[in-house]
Amino acid sequence: MQIADKYNPQHSESKWYQYWLDNRYFHSEPDDRKPYTIVIPPPNVTGILHMGHMLNNTIQDVLVRRARMQGFNACWVPGTDHASIATEAKVVAKLREQGISKEEIGREKFLEHAWDWTHQYGGTILEQLKKLGCSCDWDRTRFTMEEKLSASVIKVFVDLYNKGLIYRGYRMINWDPEAKTNISDEEVIYKEQNGKLYFLKYKVEDSDEFVSIATTRPETIFGDTAVCIHPDDERYAHLRGKKVIVPIVGR
C-alpha cells in the first residue's frame, strides 16, 4: 500500500465523518449516566458561517468530545435561528435586485420568499458545521421558528406577562425607517462620523435676552421640554426659574 505524498483532508474527513454518523456516535438517549448538554447558539440564516462561528463551534466541539471521553452522556443540540429583522433585510435586498418590492407582493408571498431563503441558507449552515467536524446529535436539529418552539416562546411570554415582568410602557426606541419597525438595542450598529454642532437661540420669556444652546441633533427640538444650567455657573444664575421659548414651534 502506497502512502500519499500529501494529506488529502477532503477524502479523509468526509470518510471518517460519515463513519461517525453511520455508527451514531454523536446520538444521545437519556440513561443512568450524568448528562452533559450543550445547546448550540443557533447561527442566523442570514448567510453562511464566518470565522467567528468556526472558533465558537470548535470550542463547543472540544468540550462535548471531552465530556464523552470522561463518561458523560454528552449531547450537543444543533440548530439555526430565523434572525427576524436581519433575515427580512436580506430577503428584501434580494427581491429588490429582481425589481420586486415587499409591499407589492404582500405578506403571504413575502413569507414564501423568506422561507425559501431560510431553507437554502439554513441547510448550507448545517452542512458547514458537518464539514467542520462538529459532533452534534443531528437527530435533534431544531429551527427557532418551528411550531413547538414558537408555542413554547409564546407560553413563556404569557407567563412573564401574567407575573408582571413584561409590561407596556413609554420608552425611547430605535426605529428602523427601512423595515418600518422598532428594533432592540442589540440590533443597533453604531458608526462614528464627523457631524456638525448647531447653536440655537432660545428667547427668554418676557425679555429681550436669548440663551444659546449647542446640539448635534437639532431635529429633536420639537421634543424640548426644559433647559438645564449648572448650579455653580454664575453666568446663568439670573435665569433660574425663568422660562424660554422653543424656537420654530414657539412653545
Protein backbone atom coordinates (compact mmCIF):
# COMPACT_ATOMS: atom_id res chain seq x y z
CA MET A 1 0.00 0.00 0.00
CA GLN A 2 1.44 3.30 -1.08
CA ILE A 3 1.11 6.27 1.26
CA ALA A 4 0.18 9.52 -0.45
CA ASP A 5 2.84 12.22 -0.58
CA LYS A 6 0.34 14.82 0.63
CA TYR A 7 -2.50 14.60 3.11
CA ASN A 8 -5.91 14.83 1.45
CA PRO A 9 -8.25 16.29 4.08
CA GLN A 10 -11.30 16.17 1.83
CA HIS A 11 -11.07 12.41 1.40
CA SER A 12 -10.18 11.57 5.00
CA GLU A 13 -12.59 13.95 6.71
CA SER A 14 -15.63 13.03 4.63
CA LYS A 15 -14.86 9.31 5.04
CA TRP A 16 -14.48 9.34 8.80
CA TYR A 17 -17.26 11.83 9.49
CA GLN A 18 -19.69 9.64 7.56
CA TYR A 19 -18.40 6.66 9.56
CA TRP A 20 -19.17 8.51 12.80
CA LEU A 21 -22.67 9.34 11.53
CA ASP A 22 -23.37 5.79 10.34
CA ASN A 23 -22.42 4.44 13.77
CA ARG A 24 -24.43 7.18 15.53
CA TYR A 25 -21.52 8.12 17.77
CA PHE A 26 -23.00 11.59 18.31
CA HIS A 27 -26.52 10.42 19.17
CA SER A 28 -27.68 10.63 22.76
CA GLU A 29 -30.51 8.99 24.67
CA PRO A 30 -31.28 9.53 28.38
CA ASP A 31 -29.73 6.86 30.61
CA ASP A 32 -28.17 6.50 34.07
CA ARG A 33 -25.02 8.42 33.13
CA LYS A 34 -24.53 12.01 34.24
CA PRO A 35 -25.73 14.29 31.43
CA TYR A 36 -23.56 16.90 29.75
CA THR A 37 -25.52 19.07 27.32
CA ILE A 38 -24.70 21.96 25.03
CA VAL A 39 -27.41 23.78 23.08
CA ILE A 40 -25.70 25.47 20.17
CA PRO A 41 -26.06 29.26 19.98
CA PRO A 42 -28.02 28.96 16.73
CA PRO A 43 -26.38 30.73 13.76
CA ASN A 44 -28.60 33.19 11.92
CA VAL A 45 -29.85 32.12 8.50
CA THR A 46 -28.69 35.44 7.04
CA GLY A 47 -25.93 33.83 5.00
CA ILE A 48 -23.02 31.47 5.59
CA LEU A 49 -20.80 30.91 8.60
CA HIS A 50 -17.80 33.14 9.26
CA MET A 51 -14.57 32.67 11.24
CA GLY A 52 -16.28 33.65 14.49
CA HIS A 53 -18.65 30.70 14.10
CA MET A 54 -15.70 28.41 13.37
CA LEU A 55 -13.94 29.43 16.57
CA ASN A 56 -17.06 29.24 18.73
CA ASN A 57 -18.20 25.86 17.44
CA THR A 58 -14.71 24.40 17.65
CA ILE A 59 -14.66 25.27 21.36
CA GLN A 60 -18.08 23.63 21.85
CA ASP A 61 -16.93 20.54 19.97
CA VAL A 62 -13.81 20.23 22.13
CA LEU A 63 -15.92 20.45 25.29
CA VAL A 64 -18.56 17.93 24.23
CA ARG A 65 -15.98 15.42 22.91
CA ARG A 66 -14.03 15.73 26.16
CA ALA A 67 -17.24 15.05 28.11
CA ARG A 68 -17.88 11.89 26.08
CA MET A 69 -14.37 10.64 26.83
CA GLN A 70 -14.97 11.29 30.53
CA GLY A 71 -18.04 9.05 30.51
CA PHE A 72 -20.77 11.68 30.48
CA ASN A 73 -23.94 11.23 28.44
CA ALA A 74 -22.93 14.09 26.16
CA CYS A 75 -25.47 15.74 23.89
CA TRP A 76 -24.84 18.68 21.59
CA VAL A 77 -28.09 20.05 20.17
CA PRO A 78 -27.67 21.82 16.79
CA GLY A 79 -29.97 24.31 15.11
CA THR A 80 -30.40 27.60 13.29
CA ASP A 81 -32.14 30.87 14.10
CA HIS A 82 -34.59 32.80 11.93
CA ALA A 83 -32.84 36.12 12.79
CA SER A 84 -36.08 38.02 12.24
CA ILE A 85 -35.34 41.57 11.02
CA ALA A 86 -31.86 40.68 9.76
CA THR A 87 -33.23 37.91 7.54
CA GLU A 88 -36.05 40.17 6.37
CA ALA A 89 -33.46 42.74 5.27
CA LYS A 90 -31.59 40.08 3.28
CA VAL A 91 -34.77 38.90 1.56
CA VAL A 92 -35.86 42.47 0.80
CA ALA A 93 -32.45 43.17 -0.77
CA LYS A 94 -32.66 40.00 -2.87
CA LEU A 95 -36.15 40.90 -4.10
CA ARG A 96 -35.01 44.45 -4.86
CA GLU A 97 -32.35 43.05 -7.19
CA GLN A 98 -35.19 41.33 -9.05
CA GLY A 99 -37.18 44.56 -9.22
CA ILE A 100 -39.71 43.36 -6.65
CA SER A 101 -40.80 45.23 -3.52
CA LYS A 102 -42.15 43.69 -0.34
CA GLU A 103 -45.21 45.93 -0.47
CA GLU A 104 -46.12 44.83 -4.00
CA ILE A 105 -46.27 41.09 -3.31
CA GLY A 106 -47.92 41.26 0.11
CA ARG A 107 -47.28 39.46 3.39
CA GLU A 108 -48.05 35.85 2.38
CA LYS A 109 -45.93 35.90 -0.77
CA PHE A 110 -43.09 37.61 1.06
CA LEU A 111 -43.15 34.89 3.73
CA GLU A 112 -42.78 32.29 0.99
CA HIS A 113 -39.61 34.03 -0.18
CA ALA A 114 -38.39 34.25 3.42
CA TRP A 115 -38.91 30.52 3.96
CA ASP A 116 -37.11 29.75 0.68
CA TRP A 117 -34.17 31.81 1.94
CA THR A 118 -34.28 30.03 5.29
CA HIS A 119 -34.26 26.56 3.74
CA GLN A 120 -31.42 27.49 1.39
CA TYR A 121 -29.06 29.05 3.91
CA GLY A 122 -30.19 27.01 6.90
CA GLY A 123 -29.21 23.83 5.07
CA THR A 124 -25.91 25.37 3.97
CA ILE A 125 -25.06 26.32 7.55
CA LEU A 126 -25.74 22.80 8.86
CA GLU A 127 -23.57 21.31 6.11
CA GLN A 128 -20.79 23.74 7.01
CA LEU A 129 -20.95 22.58 10.63
CA LYS A 130 -20.64 18.99 9.45
CA LYS A 131 -17.65 19.91 7.28
CA LEU A 132 -16.10 21.41 10.40
CA GLY A 133 -16.48 18.01 12.08
CA CYS A 134 -18.96 19.14 14.73
CA SER A 135 -20.14 16.16 16.79
CA CYS A 136 -23.75 17.31 17.09
CA ASP A 137 -26.71 14.99 17.60
CA TRP A 138 -28.22 15.76 14.20
CA ASP A 139 -31.41 13.87 15.06
CA ARG A 140 -32.18 16.76 17.41
CA THR A 141 -31.68 19.58 14.87
CA ARG A 142 -34.01 22.49 15.55
CA PHE A 143 -35.07 25.76 13.90
CA THR A 144 -36.27 28.57 16.14
CA MET A 145 -39.44 29.14 14.09
CA GLU A 146 -40.65 25.55 14.44
CA GLU A 147 -44.24 25.27 15.65
CA LYS A 148 -43.40 23.69 19.02
CA LEU A 149 -40.60 26.13 19.76
CA SER A 150 -42.76 29.11 18.79
CA ALA A 151 -45.56 27.83 21.03
CA SER A 152 -43.07 27.49 23.89
CA VAL A 153 -41.86 31.06 23.41
CA ILE A 154 -45.44 32.36 23.43
CA LYS A 155 -46.24 30.37 26.58
CA VAL A 156 -43.21 31.77 28.42
CA PHE A 157 -44.05 35.28 27.21
CA VAL A 158 -47.61 34.99 28.52
CA ASP A 159 -46.36 33.61 31.85
CA LEU A 160 -43.94 36.52 32.27
CA TYR A 161 -46.71 38.96 31.35
CA ASN A 162 -49.07 37.46 33.91
CA LYS A 163 -46.34 37.80 36.55
CA GLY A 164 -45.98 41.49 35.70
CA LEU A 165 -42.44 41.06 34.40
CA ILE A 166 -43.44 42.15 30.88
CA TYR A 167 -45.46 45.31 30.52
CA ARG A 168 -46.28 48.01 28.03
CA GLY A 169 -44.95 51.48 28.70
CA TYR A 170 -43.40 54.58 27.20
CA ARG A 171 -39.75 54.32 26.25
CA MET A 172 -37.32 55.77 23.75
CA ILE A 173 -36.92 53.19 21.00
CA ASN A 174 -34.71 52.54 17.99
CA TRP A 175 -36.73 52.99 14.81
CA ASP A 176 -35.70 51.38 11.53
CA PRO A 177 -37.03 53.60 8.71
CA GLU A 178 -36.25 50.89 6.13
CA ALA A 179 -38.07 48.00 7.83
CA LYS A 180 -40.58 50.41 9.39
CA THR A 181 -40.38 48.79 12.81
CA ASN A 182 -38.68 49.25 16.15
CA ILE A 183 -35.53 47.23 16.85
CA SER A 184 -33.72 46.24 20.02
CA ASP A 185 -30.57 47.92 21.32
CA GLU A 186 -28.65 44.74 20.41
CA GLU A 187 -29.51 45.18 16.74
CA VAL A 188 -28.22 48.76 16.52
CA ILE A 189 -24.82 49.22 14.91
CA TYR A 190 -23.20 52.48 15.94
CA LYS A 191 -20.99 54.28 13.47
CA GLU A 192 -18.73 57.21 14.29
CA GLN A 193 -18.76 60.03 11.77
CA ASN A 194 -17.96 63.71 11.59
CA GLY A 195 -21.01 65.86 12.21
CA LYS A 196 -21.97 69.45 12.80
CA LEU A 197 -22.51 71.35 16.03
CA TYR A 198 -25.51 73.67 15.80
CA PHE A 199 -26.15 76.67 18.04
CA LEU A 200 -29.80 77.57 18.61
CA LYS A 201 -31.03 80.71 20.35
CA TYR A 202 -33.86 80.34 22.84
CA LYS A 203 -35.61 83.59 23.73
CA VAL A 204 -36.13 84.18 27.43
CA GLU A 205 -39.83 84.73 28.12
CA ASP A 206 -40.81 88.39 28.76
CA SER A 207 -37.27 89.51 27.95
CA ASP A 208 -35.08 90.57 25.04
CA GLU A 209 -32.39 88.14 26.20
CA PHE A 210 -31.50 84.89 24.41
CA VAL A 211 -29.83 81.71 25.59
CA SER A 212 -27.65 79.82 23.09
CA ILE A 213 -27.90 76.03 23.16
CA ALA A 214 -25.39 73.80 21.32
CA THR A 215 -26.57 70.49 19.86
CA THR A 216 -25.67 67.92 17.24
CA ARG A 217 -29.33 66.88 16.92
CA PRO A 218 -31.41 69.94 16.01
CA GLU A 219 -34.24 67.71 14.79
CA THR A 220 -35.09 66.86 18.41
CA ILE A 221 -36.04 70.46 19.13
CA PHE A 222 -39.74 69.60 18.82
CA GLY A 223 -39.49 67.48 21.95
CA ASP A 224 -37.65 70.04 24.09
CA THR A 225 -39.24 70.48 27.50
CA ALA A 226 -36.53 72.05 29.67
CA VAL A 227 -33.17 73.82 29.69
CA CYS A 228 -30.74 72.92 32.47
CA ILE A 229 -27.98 75.11 33.83
CA HIS A 230 -25.10 74.24 36.12
CA PRO A 231 -25.92 75.38 39.65
CA ASP A 232 -22.43 76.85 40.08
CA ASP A 233 -22.31 78.70 36.74
CA GLU A 234 -22.67 82.36 37.64
CA ARG A 235 -23.23 83.37 34.01
CA TYR A 236 -26.73 81.91 34.05
CA ALA A 237 -27.61 82.19 37.73
CA HIS A 238 -30.07 85.01 36.95
CA LEU A 239 -32.06 82.67 34.68
CA ARG A 240 -33.02 80.18 37.38
CA GLY A 241 -36.78 79.65 37.48
CA LYS A 242 -37.37 81.50 34.21
CA LYS A 243 -38.79 80.09 31.01
CA VAL A 244 -37.53 80.15 27.44
CA ILE A 245 -39.43 79.85 24.18
CA VAL A 246 -38.63 76.86 21.99
CA PRO A 247 -37.61 78.09 18.51
CA ILE A 248 -39.69 77.12 15.45
CA VAL A 249 -42.61 75.79 17.49
CA GLY A 250 -42.92 78.91 19.67
CA ARG A 251 -43.85 76.87 22.73
